[in-house]
Amino acid sequence: MSFFRHKADQIPVVIFLLFFLTDIVIYFTIDNPWFVATWFVAGIWPKGNICAWNHHHQHNVTFKSTLLNRSLELMYGFQTGVTTKGWLLHHVLGHHKNYLQQEIDESRWMNKDGTTKSEIGYTFEVAGTSLYRIIQVGRNHKRHLNDFLMMNCIIVVLLGLLFWHNWYNTLFLFLLPMVVGLLLTCWATFDHHSNLDTKNEFE
């Protein structure tokens, strides 16, 4: 009996798990700064693709087991910078409800004067305000917010331990990929959302 809810997720999740295990092996075994930095650069594209699966997972969870879903979200958090229920709150319960109202949309692409934000401006604004907007939406969804905050606390503690053990490897294998992953996710959504000034949701 499969642990997966959908067979299509099996191969991608195995690939992402192998990628994460490789990060861990490199963290504990490689003491060459140039190799670690090169691995970080080489991992930007594949980890950018992991962001899409993390987004899909928060629409429709991957596993039948809550424990397995939380474990996957822990891994995704280190790979993409978005943890348990983060996109559920920001994107599903926030943006999907408010996307026709630019003044409150969590992924708002329009300036107050009605012009379109620049691609870079949109990317950094959505990424930079994501934590605040997640918490704002979470005030009406306390159970999901508690899950989000708990996982963030776990990741902060683990990151702290990793930095204490080897700050350089932690920076390039975990922290920078988290920051870049969040920025890539937000950047990818600019074309999905911008210039859709309409009151008709079917557009």
N, C-alpha and C. Protein backbone atom coordinates (compact mmCIF):
# COMPACT_ATOMS: atom_id res chain seq x y z
N MET A 1 0.85 -1.20 0.00
CA MET A 1 0.00 0.00 0.00
C MET A 1 0.89 1.25 0.00
N SER A 2 0.65 2.15 -0.92
CA SER A 2 1.49 3.32 -1.06
C SER A 2 1.22 4.34 0.03
N PHE A 3 2.30 4.99 0.47
CA PHE A 3 2.16 6.10 1.42
C PHE A 3 1.71 7.37 0.72
N PHE A 4 1.87 7.41 -0.61
CA PHE A 4 1.54 8.59 -1.39
C PHE A 4 0.05 8.64 -1.70
N ARG A 5 -0.48 9.85 -1.74
CA ARG A 5 -1.88 10.02 -2.13
C ARG A 5 -2.02 9.97 -3.64
N HIS A 6 -0.97 10.35 -4.36
CA HIS A 6 -1.00 10.36 -5.82
C HIS A 6 0.31 9.78 -6.34
N LYS A 7 0.22 8.82 -7.22
CA LYS A 7 1.39 8.13 -7.74
C LYS A 7 2.36 9.08 -8.43
N ALA A 8 1.85 10.14 -9.04
CA ALA A 8 2.68 11.09 -9.78
C ALA A 8 3.73 11.78 -8.90
N ASP A 9 3.51 11.79 -7.59
CA ASP A 9 4.45 12.46 -6.69
C ASP A 9 5.65 11.58 -6.33
N GLN A 10 5.59 10.30 -6.58
CA GLN A 10 6.61 9.38 -6.07
C GLN A 10 8.00 9.69 -6.59
N ILE A 11 8.17 9.76 -7.89
CA ILE A 11 9.50 9.98 -8.46
C ILE A 11 10.06 11.36 -8.09
N PRO A 12 9.29 12.45 -8.22
CA PRO A 12 9.83 13.75 -7.81
C PRO A 12 10.27 13.79 -6.35
N VAL A 13 9.47 13.23 -5.45
CA VAL A 13 9.82 13.28 -4.03
C VAL A 13 11.09 12.47 -3.75
N VAL A 14 11.25 11.35 -4.41
CA VAL A 14 12.48 10.55 -4.25
C VAL A 14 13.69 11.36 -4.74
N ILE A 15 13.55 12.04 -5.86
CA ILE A 15 14.64 12.87 -6.39
C ILE A 15 14.99 13.99 -5.41
N PHE A 16 13.96 14.66 -4.87
CA PHE A 16 14.20 15.76 -3.94
C PHE A 16 14.84 15.25 -2.65
N LEU A 17 14.42 14.07 -2.20
CA LEU A 17 15.01 13.47 -1.00
C LEU A 17 16.49 13.16 -1.23
N LEU A 18 16.82 12.60 -2.39
CA LEU A 18 18.22 12.29 -2.70
C LEU A 18 19.04 13.58 -2.75
N PHE A 19 18.46 14.64 -3.29
CA PHE A 19 19.14 15.94 -3.35
C PHE A 19 19.41 16.44 -1.93
N PHE A 20 18.43 16.32 -1.05
CA PHE A 20 18.58 16.77 0.33
C PHE A 20 19.63 15.93 1.07
N LEU A 21 19.60 14.63 0.86
CA LEU A 21 20.59 13.76 1.49
C LEU A 21 21.99 14.10 1.00
N THR A 22 22.11 14.48 -0.27
CA THR A 22 23.40 14.91 -0.80
C THR A 22 23.88 16.17 -0.10
N ASP A 23 22.96 17.11 0.14
CA ASP A 23 23.31 18.32 0.90
C ASP A 23 23.86 17.95 2.28
N ILE A 24 23.20 17.01 2.93
CA ILE A 24 23.63 16.61 4.28
C ILE A 24 24.99 15.94 4.24
N VAL A 25 25.19 15.06 3.27
CA VAL A 25 26.49 14.38 3.15
C VAL A 25 27.60 15.40 2.89
N ILE A 26 27.35 16.35 1.99
CA ILE A 26 28.35 17.39 1.71
C ILE A 26 28.62 18.21 2.97
N TYR A 27 27.55 18.54 3.69
CA TYR A 27 27.72 19.34 4.91
C TYR A 27 28.69 18.68 5.89
N PHE A 28 28.54 17.38 6.08
CA PHE A 28 29.35 16.69 7.10
C PHE A 28 30.70 16.19 6.59
N THR A 29 30.90 16.14 5.27
CA THR A 29 32.12 15.51 4.77
C THR A 29 33.03 16.42 3.96
N ILE A 30 32.51 17.53 3.43
CA ILE A 30 33.32 18.38 2.56
C ILE A 30 33.76 19.64 3.31
N ASP A 31 35.06 19.90 3.30
CA ASP A 31 35.61 21.07 3.97
C ASP A 31 36.29 22.01 2.98
N ASN A 32 35.82 21.94 1.73
CA ASN A 32 36.40 22.78 0.68
C ASN A 32 35.40 23.88 0.34
N PRO A 33 35.70 25.14 0.71
CA PRO A 33 34.74 26.24 0.49
C PRO A 33 34.32 26.41 -0.97
N TRP A 34 35.26 26.21 -1.91
CA TRP A 34 34.94 26.38 -3.32
C TRP A 34 33.98 25.30 -3.81
N PHE A 35 34.18 24.08 -3.35
CA PHE A 35 33.28 23.00 -3.74
C PHE A 35 31.86 23.27 -3.22
N VAL A 36 31.78 23.68 -1.96
CA VAL A 36 30.46 23.94 -1.35
C VAL A 36 29.76 25.09 -2.06
N ALA A 37 30.49 26.16 -2.36
CA ALA A 37 29.90 27.30 -3.06
C ALA A 37 29.45 26.91 -4.46
N THR A 38 30.25 26.08 -5.14
CA THR A 38 29.88 25.62 -6.48
C THR A 38 28.63 24.76 -6.44
N TRP A 39 28.52 23.90 -5.42
CA TRP A 39 27.33 23.07 -5.26
C TRP A 39 26.09 23.95 -5.03
N PHE A 40 26.24 25.02 -4.28
CA PHE A 40 25.13 25.95 -4.07
C PHE A 40 24.66 26.54 -5.39
N VAL A 41 25.60 27.01 -6.22
CA VAL A 41 25.25 27.61 -7.50
C VAL A 41 24.59 26.57 -8.41
N ALA A 42 25.17 25.36 -8.42
CA ALA A 42 24.62 24.29 -9.27
C ALA A 42 23.23 23.88 -8.81
N GLY A 43 22.92 24.07 -7.53
CA GLY A 43 21.64 23.64 -7.00
C GLY A 43 20.52 24.65 -7.14
N ILE A 44 20.83 25.87 -7.60
CA ILE A 44 19.80 26.90 -7.69
C ILE A 44 18.65 26.47 -8.60
N TRP A 45 18.97 25.94 -9.79
CA TRP A 45 17.90 25.55 -10.72
C TRP A 45 17.08 24.38 -10.20
N PRO A 46 17.70 23.25 -9.79
CA PRO A 46 16.86 22.15 -9.30
C PRO A 46 16.05 22.52 -8.07
N LYS A 47 16.63 23.28 -7.16
CA LYS A 47 15.87 23.67 -5.97
C LYS A 47 14.76 24.65 -6.33
N GLY A 48 14.97 25.42 -7.40
CA GLY A 48 13.89 26.27 -7.88
C GLY A 48 12.69 25.47 -8.33
N ASN A 49 12.95 24.29 -8.91
CA ASN A 49 11.85 23.40 -9.30
C ASN A 49 11.17 22.76 -8.09
N ILE A 50 11.94 22.52 -7.05
CA ILE A 50 11.36 21.97 -5.82
C ILE A 50 10.32 22.94 -5.26
N CYS A 51 10.54 24.24 -5.46
CA CYS A 51 9.58 25.24 -4.98
C CYS A 51 8.19 24.99 -5.54
N ALA A 52 8.12 24.57 -6.80
CA ALA A 52 6.81 24.32 -7.41
C ALA A 52 6.12 23.15 -6.71
N TRP A 53 6.89 22.10 -6.38
CA TRP A 53 6.28 20.95 -5.71
C TRP A 53 5.84 21.32 -4.29
N ASN A 54 6.62 22.17 -3.62
CA ASN A 54 6.22 22.63 -2.29
C ASN A 54 4.90 23.39 -2.38
N HIS A 55 4.77 24.22 -3.40
CA HIS A 55 3.52 24.95 -3.64
C HIS A 55 2.36 23.97 -3.87
N HIS A 56 2.58 22.97 -4.72
CA HIS A 56 1.52 22.00 -5.01
C HIS A 56 1.15 21.21 -3.75
N HIS A 57 2.18 20.86 -2.97
CA HIS A 57 1.95 20.09 -1.74
C HIS A 57 1.02 20.85 -0.79
N GLN A 58 1.14 22.19 -0.76
CA GLN A 58 0.32 22.95 0.18
C GLN A 58 -1.08 23.21 -0.37
N HIS A 59 -1.29 22.89 -1.64
CA HIS A 59 -2.65 22.82 -2.17
C HIS A 59 -3.26 21.46 -1.88
N ASN A 60 -2.44 20.42 -2.02
CA ASN A 60 -2.95 19.05 -1.97
C ASN A 60 -1.82 18.17 -1.42
N VAL A 61 -1.86 17.85 -0.12
CA VAL A 61 -0.72 17.22 0.55
C VAL A 61 -0.31 15.92 -0.13
N THR A 62 0.98 15.60 -0.03
CA THR A 62 1.59 14.50 -0.77
C THR A 62 1.30 13.14 -0.17
N PHE A 63 1.39 13.04 1.16
CA PHE A 63 1.28 11.75 1.82
C PHE A 63 -0.06 11.59 2.54
N LYS A 64 -0.41 10.35 2.82
CA LYS A 64 -1.61 10.05 3.60
C LYS A 64 -1.36 10.28 5.09
N SER A 65 -0.09 10.22 5.49
CA SER A 65 0.31 10.35 6.89
C SER A 65 0.71 11.78 7.22
N THR A 66 0.18 12.32 8.33
CA THR A 66 0.56 13.66 8.77
C THR A 66 2.05 13.73 9.11
N LEU A 67 2.57 12.68 9.76
CA LEU A 67 3.98 12.66 10.13
C LEU A 67 4.88 12.74 8.89
N LEU A 68 4.52 11.99 7.85
CA LEU A 68 5.31 12.03 6.62
C LEU A 68 5.19 13.40 5.94
N ASN A 69 4.00 13.99 5.99
CA ASN A 69 3.84 15.33 5.41
C ASN A 69 4.68 16.36 6.15
N ARG A 70 4.72 16.28 7.47
CA ARG A 70 5.54 17.23 8.25
C ARG A 70 7.02 17.01 7.96
N SER A 71 7.43 15.77 7.81
CA SER A 71 8.83 15.47 7.50
C SER A 71 9.19 16.03 6.13
N LEU A 72 8.29 15.87 5.17
CA LEU A 72 8.52 16.42 3.83
C LEU A 72 8.60 17.93 3.89
N GLU A 73 7.74 18.54 4.68
CA GLU A 73 7.72 20.00 4.80
C GLU A 73 8.99 20.52 5.47
N LEU A 74 9.56 19.76 6.38
CA LEU A 74 10.82 20.14 7.00
C LEU A 74 11.92 20.18 5.93
N MET A 75 11.96 19.14 5.11
CA MET A 75 12.92 19.10 4.01
C MET A 75 12.67 20.24 3.03
N TYR A 76 11.42 20.43 2.62
CA TYR A 76 11.09 21.51 1.71
C TYR A 76 11.47 22.87 2.29
N GLY A 77 11.30 23.02 3.60
CA GLY A 77 11.65 24.28 4.25
C GLY A 77 13.12 24.62 4.05
N PHE A 78 13.99 23.62 4.23
CA PHE A 78 15.42 23.83 4.04
C PHE A 78 15.78 24.03 2.57
N GLN A 79 14.98 23.50 1.67
CA GLN A 79 15.29 23.61 0.24
C GLN A 79 14.71 24.85 -0.41
N THR A 80 13.58 25.34 0.11
CA THR A 80 12.85 26.41 -0.59
C THR A 80 12.59 27.65 0.26
N GLY A 81 12.79 27.57 1.57
CA GLY A 81 12.54 28.72 2.43
C GLY A 81 11.09 28.88 2.84
N VAL A 82 10.22 27.97 2.44
CA VAL A 82 8.80 28.06 2.81
C VAL A 82 8.43 26.79 3.58
N THR A 83 7.94 26.97 4.80
CA THR A 83 7.70 25.84 5.69
C THR A 83 6.22 25.47 5.76
N THR A 84 5.93 24.55 6.66
CA THR A 84 4.58 24.02 6.85
C THR A 84 3.51 25.11 6.87
N LYS A 85 2.51 24.94 6.02
CA LYS A 85 1.33 25.81 5.93
C LYS A 85 1.65 27.23 5.48
N GLY A 86 2.90 27.51 5.11
CA GLY A 86 3.26 28.87 4.68
C GLY A 86 2.49 29.31 3.46
N TRP A 87 2.57 28.51 2.39
CA TRP A 87 1.83 28.88 1.17
C TRP A 87 0.35 28.59 1.32
N LEU A 88 -0.02 27.67 2.17
CA LEU A 88 -1.45 27.45 2.42
C LEU A 88 -2.08 28.74 2.93
N LEU A 89 -1.41 29.38 3.89
CA LEU A 89 -1.94 30.61 4.45
C LEU A 89 -1.80 31.78 3.48
N HIS A 90 -0.59 32.00 2.97
CA HIS A 90 -0.33 33.15 2.11
C HIS A 90 -1.07 33.04 0.78
N HIS A 91 -1.01 31.85 0.18
CA HIS A 91 -1.44 31.69 -1.20
C HIS A 91 -2.87 31.16 -1.32
N VAL A 92 -3.16 30.06 -0.62
CA VAL A 92 -4.47 29.42 -0.78
C VAL A 92 -5.56 30.19 -0.03
N LEU A 93 -5.30 30.48 1.25
CA LEU A 93 -6.32 31.14 2.07
C LEU A 93 -6.24 32.67 1.98
N GLY A 94 -5.14 33.18 1.44
CA GLY A 94 -4.98 34.62 1.28
C GLY A 94 -5.19 35.05 -0.17
N HIS A 95 -4.18 34.82 -0.99
CA HIS A 95 -4.21 35.27 -2.38
C HIS A 95 -5.40 34.74 -3.17
N HIS A 96 -5.71 33.46 -3.03
CA HIS A 96 -6.82 32.90 -3.81
C HIS A 96 -8.16 33.53 -3.44
N LYS A 97 -8.24 34.08 -2.26
CA LYS A 97 -9.47 34.75 -1.83
C LYS A 97 -9.47 36.22 -2.25
N ASN A 98 -8.28 36.83 -2.31
CA ASN A 98 -8.20 38.29 -2.45
C ASN A 98 -7.61 38.77 -3.77
N TYR A 99 -7.36 37.87 -4.72
CA TYR A 99 -6.59 38.27 -5.90
C TYR A 99 -7.30 39.28 -6.80
N LEU A 100 -8.59 39.43 -6.67
CA LEU A 100 -9.30 40.44 -7.45
C LEU A 100 -9.35 41.79 -6.75
N GLN A 101 -8.78 41.86 -5.54
CA GLN A 101 -8.76 43.10 -4.77
C GLN A 101 -7.29 43.47 -4.49
N GLN A 102 -6.72 44.28 -5.37
CA GLN A 102 -5.28 44.55 -5.31
C GLN A 102 -4.85 45.25 -4.03
N GLU A 103 -5.75 45.95 -3.38
CA GLU A 103 -5.35 46.65 -2.16
C GLU A 103 -5.08 45.69 -1.01
N ILE A 104 -5.60 44.46 -1.08
CA ILE A 104 -5.37 43.51 0.01
C ILE A 104 -4.77 42.18 -0.46
N ASP A 105 -4.62 42.00 -1.76
CA ASP A 105 -4.06 40.76 -2.30
C ASP A 105 -2.67 40.50 -1.72
N GLU A 106 -2.44 39.28 -1.24
CA GLU A 106 -1.14 38.93 -0.67
C GLU A 106 -0.04 38.90 -1.73
N SER A 107 -0.41 38.73 -3.00
CA SER A 107 0.56 38.77 -4.10
C SER A 107 0.25 39.95 -5.01
N ARG A 108 0.00 41.10 -4.41
CA ARG A 108 -0.45 42.26 -5.19
C ARG A 108 0.65 42.74 -6.15
N TRP A 109 0.23 42.95 -7.38
CA TRP A 109 1.16 43.35 -8.44
C TRP A 109 0.97 44.80 -8.86
N MET A 110 -0.07 45.44 -8.34
CA MET A 110 -0.40 46.80 -8.76
C MET A 110 0.03 47.82 -7.71
N ASN A 111 0.63 48.93 -8.17
CA ASN A 111 0.94 50.04 -7.27
C ASN A 111 -0.35 50.77 -6.90
N LYS A 112 -0.26 51.62 -5.88
CA LYS A 112 -1.45 52.35 -5.43
C LYS A 112 -2.01 53.26 -6.50
N ASP A 113 -1.15 53.71 -7.43
CA ASP A 113 -1.62 54.60 -8.50
C ASP A 113 -2.17 53.83 -9.70
N GLY A 114 -2.25 52.50 -9.59
CA GLY A 114 -2.82 51.69 -10.66
C GLY A 114 -1.82 51.16 -11.66
N THR A 115 -0.57 51.58 -11.56
CA THR A 115 0.46 51.07 -12.47
C THR A 115 0.96 49.71 -12.00
N THR A 116 1.64 49.01 -12.89
CA THR A 116 2.15 47.68 -12.58
C THR A 116 3.52 47.79 -11.91
N LYS A 117 3.70 47.05 -10.83
CA LYS A 117 5.00 47.03 -10.16
C LYS A 117 6.06 46.47 -11.11
N SER A 118 7.29 46.85 -10.91
CA SER A 118 8.37 46.23 -11.67
C SER A 118 8.53 44.78 -11.22
N GLU A 119 9.09 43.97 -12.10
CA GLU A 119 9.27 42.55 -11.78
C GLU A 119 10.13 42.36 -10.54
N ILE A 120 11.21 43.13 -10.45
CA ILE A 120 12.10 43.03 -9.29
C ILE A 120 11.40 43.55 -8.05
N GLY A 121 10.70 44.68 -8.19
CA GLY A 121 9.99 45.25 -7.04
C GLY A 121 8.94 44.30 -6.50
N TYR A 122 8.17 43.70 -7.41
CA TYR A 122 7.16 42.71 -7.01
C TYR A 122 7.81 41.55 -6.28
N THR A 123 8.90 41.01 -6.84
CA THR A 123 9.57 39.84 -6.26
C THR A 123 10.01 40.11 -4.83
N PHE A 124 10.70 41.23 -4.63
CA PHE A 124 11.23 41.52 -3.30
C PHE A 124 10.13 41.92 -2.32
N GLU A 125 9.07 42.57 -2.82
CA GLU A 125 7.98 42.93 -1.92
C GLU A 125 7.23 41.69 -1.44
N VAL A 126 6.88 40.79 -2.36
CA VAL A 126 6.13 39.59 -1.97
C VAL A 126 6.98 38.71 -1.05
N ALA A 127 8.27 38.57 -1.39
CA ALA A 127 9.16 37.77 -0.54
C ALA A 127 9.36 38.45 0.81
N GLY A 128 9.61 39.75 0.78
CA GLY A 128 9.92 40.47 2.02
C GLY A 128 8.76 40.60 2.98
N THR A 129 7.54 40.59 2.44
CA THR A 129 6.35 40.72 3.29
C THR A 129 5.68 39.37 3.56
N SER A 130 6.24 38.29 3.02
CA SER A 130 5.56 36.99 3.09
C SER A 130 5.29 36.56 4.52
N LEU A 131 6.28 36.70 5.40
CA LEU A 131 6.08 36.28 6.80
C LEU A 131 4.98 37.10 7.46
N TYR A 132 5.02 38.41 7.26
CA TYR A 132 3.99 39.28 7.84
C TYR A 132 2.60 38.92 7.32
N ARG A 133 2.49 38.70 6.00
CA ARG A 133 1.19 38.41 5.40
C ARG A 133 0.69 37.02 5.79
N ILE A 134 1.61 36.07 5.95
CA ILE A 134 1.23 34.74 6.43
C ILE A 134 0.62 34.85 7.82
N ILE A 135 1.25 35.61 8.68
CA ILE A 135 0.75 35.76 10.05
C ILE A 135 -0.58 36.50 10.07
N GLN A 136 -0.72 37.52 9.19
CA GLN A 136 -1.99 38.26 9.12
C GLN A 136 -3.14 37.33 8.72
N VAL A 137 -2.93 36.52 7.69
CA VAL A 137 -3.97 35.56 7.27
C VAL A 137 -4.18 34.53 8.37
N GLY A 138 -3.09 34.11 9.00
CA GLY A 138 -3.17 33.08 10.03
C GLY A 138 -3.96 33.48 11.26
N ARG A 139 -4.16 34.76 11.47
CA ARG A 139 -4.96 35.20 12.63
C ARG A 139 -6.39 34.69 12.54
N ASN A 140 -6.84 34.39 11.32
CA ASN A 140 -8.18 33.82 11.14
C ASN A 140 -8.15 32.31 10.93
N HIS A 141 -6.96 31.74 10.99
CA HIS A 141 -6.79 30.29 10.79
C HIS A 141 -5.74 29.80 11.79
N LYS A 142 -6.09 29.85 13.06
CA LYS A 142 -5.12 29.65 14.14
C LYS A 142 -4.43 28.29 14.09
N ARG A 143 -5.14 27.24 13.73
CA ARG A 143 -4.52 25.91 13.71
C ARG A 143 -3.41 25.85 12.68
N HIS A 144 -3.66 26.40 11.49
CA HIS A 144 -2.65 26.41 10.45
C HIS A 144 -1.48 27.32 10.84
N LEU A 145 -1.80 28.45 11.47
CA LEU A 145 -0.74 29.37 11.91
C LEU A 145 0.15 28.71 12.96
N ASN A 146 -0.46 27.97 13.89
CA ASN A 146 0.32 27.28 14.91
C ASN A 146 1.27 26.26 14.29
N ASP A 147 0.78 25.53 13.27
CA ASP A 147 1.65 24.57 12.57
C ASP A 147 2.81 25.29 11.90
N PHE A 148 2.52 26.42 11.28
CA PHE A 148 3.54 27.20 10.60
C PHE A 148 4.60 27.69 11.58
N LEU A 149 4.15 28.27 12.69
CA LEU A 149 5.09 28.81 13.67
C LEU A 149 5.91 27.71 14.32
N MET A 150 5.29 26.57 14.61
CA MET A 150 6.02 25.46 15.21
C MET A 150 7.13 24.96 14.30
N MET A 151 6.83 24.79 13.01
CA MET A 151 7.85 24.31 12.09
C MET A 151 8.96 25.34 11.92
N ASN A 152 8.61 26.62 11.92
CA ASN A 152 9.63 27.64 11.83
C ASN A 152 10.55 27.63 13.04
N CYS A 153 9.99 27.39 14.22
CA CYS A 153 10.82 27.30 15.43
C CYS A 153 11.78 26.12 15.32
N ILE A 154 11.29 24.99 14.83
CA ILE A 154 12.14 23.80 14.68
C ILE A 154 13.28 24.10 13.70
N ILE A 155 12.96 24.74 12.58
CA ILE A 155 13.99 25.03 11.58
C ILE A 155 15.01 26.03 12.11
N VAL A 156 14.56 27.04 12.85
CA VAL A 156 15.49 28.01 13.42
C VAL A 156 16.46 27.33 14.38
N VAL A 157 15.94 26.43 15.23
CA VAL A 157 16.80 25.70 16.16
C VAL A 157 17.81 24.83 15.40
N LEU A 158 17.34 24.10 14.39
CA LEU A 158 18.23 23.24 13.61
C LEU A 158 19.27 24.07 12.86
N LEU A 159 18.85 25.20 12.29
CA LEU A 159 19.81 26.07 11.61
C LEU A 159 20.86 26.58 12.59
N GLY A 160 20.42 26.93 13.78
CA GLY A 160 21.36 27.41 14.79
C GLY A 160 22.40 26.35 15.12
N LEU A 161 21.97 25.12 15.28
CA LEU A 161 22.91 24.02 15.57
C LEU A 161 23.85 23.79 14.41
N LEU A 162 23.31 23.85 13.19
CA LEU A 162 24.15 23.66 12.00
C LEU A 162 25.18 24.77 11.88
N PHE A 163 24.77 26.02 12.14
CA PHE A 163 25.71 27.15 12.09
C PHE A 163 26.80 26.99 13.15
N TRP A 164 26.42 26.54 14.32
CA TRP A 164 27.38 26.34 15.41
C TRP A 164 28.43 25.30 15.01
N HIS A 165 27.98 24.27 14.30
CA HIS A 165 28.90 23.19 13.91
C HIS A 165 29.77 23.59 12.73
N ASN A 166 29.17 24.26 11.70
CA ASN A 166 29.93 24.66 10.51
C ASN A 166 29.16 25.78 9.82
N TRP A 167 29.55 27.02 10.13
CA TRP A 167 28.77 28.16 9.64
C TRP A 167 28.83 28.29 8.12
N TYR A 168 29.99 28.03 7.55
CA TYR A 168 30.15 28.22 6.10
C TYR A 168 29.29 27.24 5.33
N ASN A 169 29.35 25.96 5.66
CA ASN A 169 28.55 24.96 4.95
C ASN A 169 27.06 25.22 5.16
N THR A 170 26.68 25.65 6.36
CA THR A 170 25.28 25.94 6.63
C THR A 170 24.79 27.11 5.76
N LEU A 171 25.64 28.13 5.63
CA LEU A 171 25.28 29.30 4.83
C LEU A 171 24.99 28.91 3.39
N PHE A 172 25.88 28.11 2.79
CA PHE A 172 25.78 27.82 1.36
C PHE A 172 24.90 26.61 1.05
N LEU A 173 24.75 25.71 1.99
CA LEU A 173 23.94 24.51 1.71
C LEU A 173 22.50 24.66 2.15
N PHE A 174 22.24 25.54 3.13
CA PHE A 174 20.88 25.63 3.67
C PHE A 174 20.31 27.06 3.68
N LEU A 175 21.00 28.01 4.33
CA LEU A 175 20.39 29.33 4.49
C LEU A 175 20.24 30.07 3.15
N LEU A 176 21.30 30.16 2.37
CA LEU A 176 21.19 30.86 1.08
C LEU A 176 20.19 30.18 0.13
N PRO A 177 20.17 28.84 0.04
CA PRO A 177 19.13 28.22 -0.80
C PRO A 177 17.71 28.54 -0.32
N MET A 178 17.52 28.70 0.99
CA MET A 178 16.20 29.06 1.50
C MET A 178 15.80 30.45 1.02
N VAL A 179 16.74 31.40 1.12
CA VAL A 179 16.46 32.78 0.69
C VAL A 179 16.22 32.84 -0.82
N VAL A 180 17.12 32.19 -1.58
CA VAL A 180 16.98 32.20 -3.04
C VAL A 180 15.71 31.48 -3.47
N GLY A 181 15.38 30.38 -2.79
CA GLY A 181 14.16 29.64 -3.12
C GLY A 181 12.92 30.48 -2.96
N LEU A 182 12.85 31.24 -1.87
CA LEU A 182 11.71 32.13 -1.66
C LEU A 182 11.64 33.20 -2.75
N LEU A 183 12.78 33.80 -3.06
CA LEU A 183 12.80 34.83 -4.11
C LEU A 183 12.41 34.26 -5.46
N LEU A 184 12.92 33.07 -5.79
CA LEU A 184 12.58 32.44 -7.07
C LEU A 184 11.09 32.14 -7.16
N THR A 185 10.52 31.66 -6.05
CA THR A 185 9.09 31.35 -6.04
C THR A 185 8.26 32.60 -6.31
N CYS A 186 8.62 33.68 -5.62
CA CYS A 186 7.87 34.94 -5.80
C CYS A 186 8.07 35.49 -7.21
N TRP A 187 9.31 35.44 -7.71
CA TRP A 187 9.60 35.93 -9.05
C TRP A 187 8.80 35.17 -10.11
N ALA A 188 8.70 33.85 -9.94
CA ALA A 188 8.00 33.01 -10.92
C ALA A 188 6.52 33.37 -11.02
N THR A 189 5.97 33.95 -9.95
CA THR A 189 4.53 34.24 -9.97
C THR A 189 4.20 35.60 -10.59
N PHE A 190 5.22 36.39 -10.89
CA PHE A 190 4.93 37.73 -11.45
C PHE A 190 4.13 37.62 -12.74
N ASP A 191 4.58 36.77 -13.66
CA ASP A 191 3.87 36.63 -14.93
C ASP A 191 2.51 35.97 -14.76
N HIS A 192 2.32 35.22 -13.67
CA HIS A 192 1.03 34.57 -13.43
C HIS A 192 -0.03 35.58 -13.02
N HIS A 193 0.41 36.68 -12.40
CA HIS A 193 -0.54 37.57 -11.76
C HIS A 193 -0.62 38.96 -12.37
N SER A 194 0.48 39.48 -12.86
CA SER A 194 0.53 40.90 -13.23
C SER A 194 -0.38 41.22 -14.42
N ASN A 195 -0.92 42.44 -14.36
CA ASN A 195 -1.76 43.00 -15.43
C ASN A 195 -3.08 42.25 -15.63
N LEU A 196 -3.50 41.50 -14.65
CA LEU A 196 -4.82 40.86 -14.72
C LEU A 196 -5.81 41.73 -13.95
N ASP A 197 -6.04 42.91 -14.48
CA ASP A 197 -6.94 43.86 -13.83
C ASP A 197 -8.35 43.58 -14.29
N THR A 198 -9.05 42.77 -13.53
CA THR A 198 -10.39 42.33 -13.94
C THR A 198 -11.23 42.06 -12.73
N LYS A 199 -12.51 42.07 -12.88
CA LYS A 199 -13.42 41.66 -11.82
C LYS A 199 -14.03 40.31 -12.13
N ASN A 200 -13.62 39.72 -13.26
CA ASN A 200 -14.15 38.43 -13.68
C ASN A 200 -13.14 37.34 -13.33
N GLU A 201 -13.45 36.52 -12.34
CA GLU A 201 -12.48 35.51 -11.88
C GLU A 201 -12.13 34.50 -12.97
N PHE A 202 -12.98 34.33 -13.98
CA PHE A 202 -12.70 33.34 -15.01
C PHE A 202 -11.67 33.83 -16.02
N GLU A 203 -11.29 35.10 -15.94
CA GLU A 203 -10.21 35.60 -16.77
C GLU A 203 -8.85 35.29 -16.16
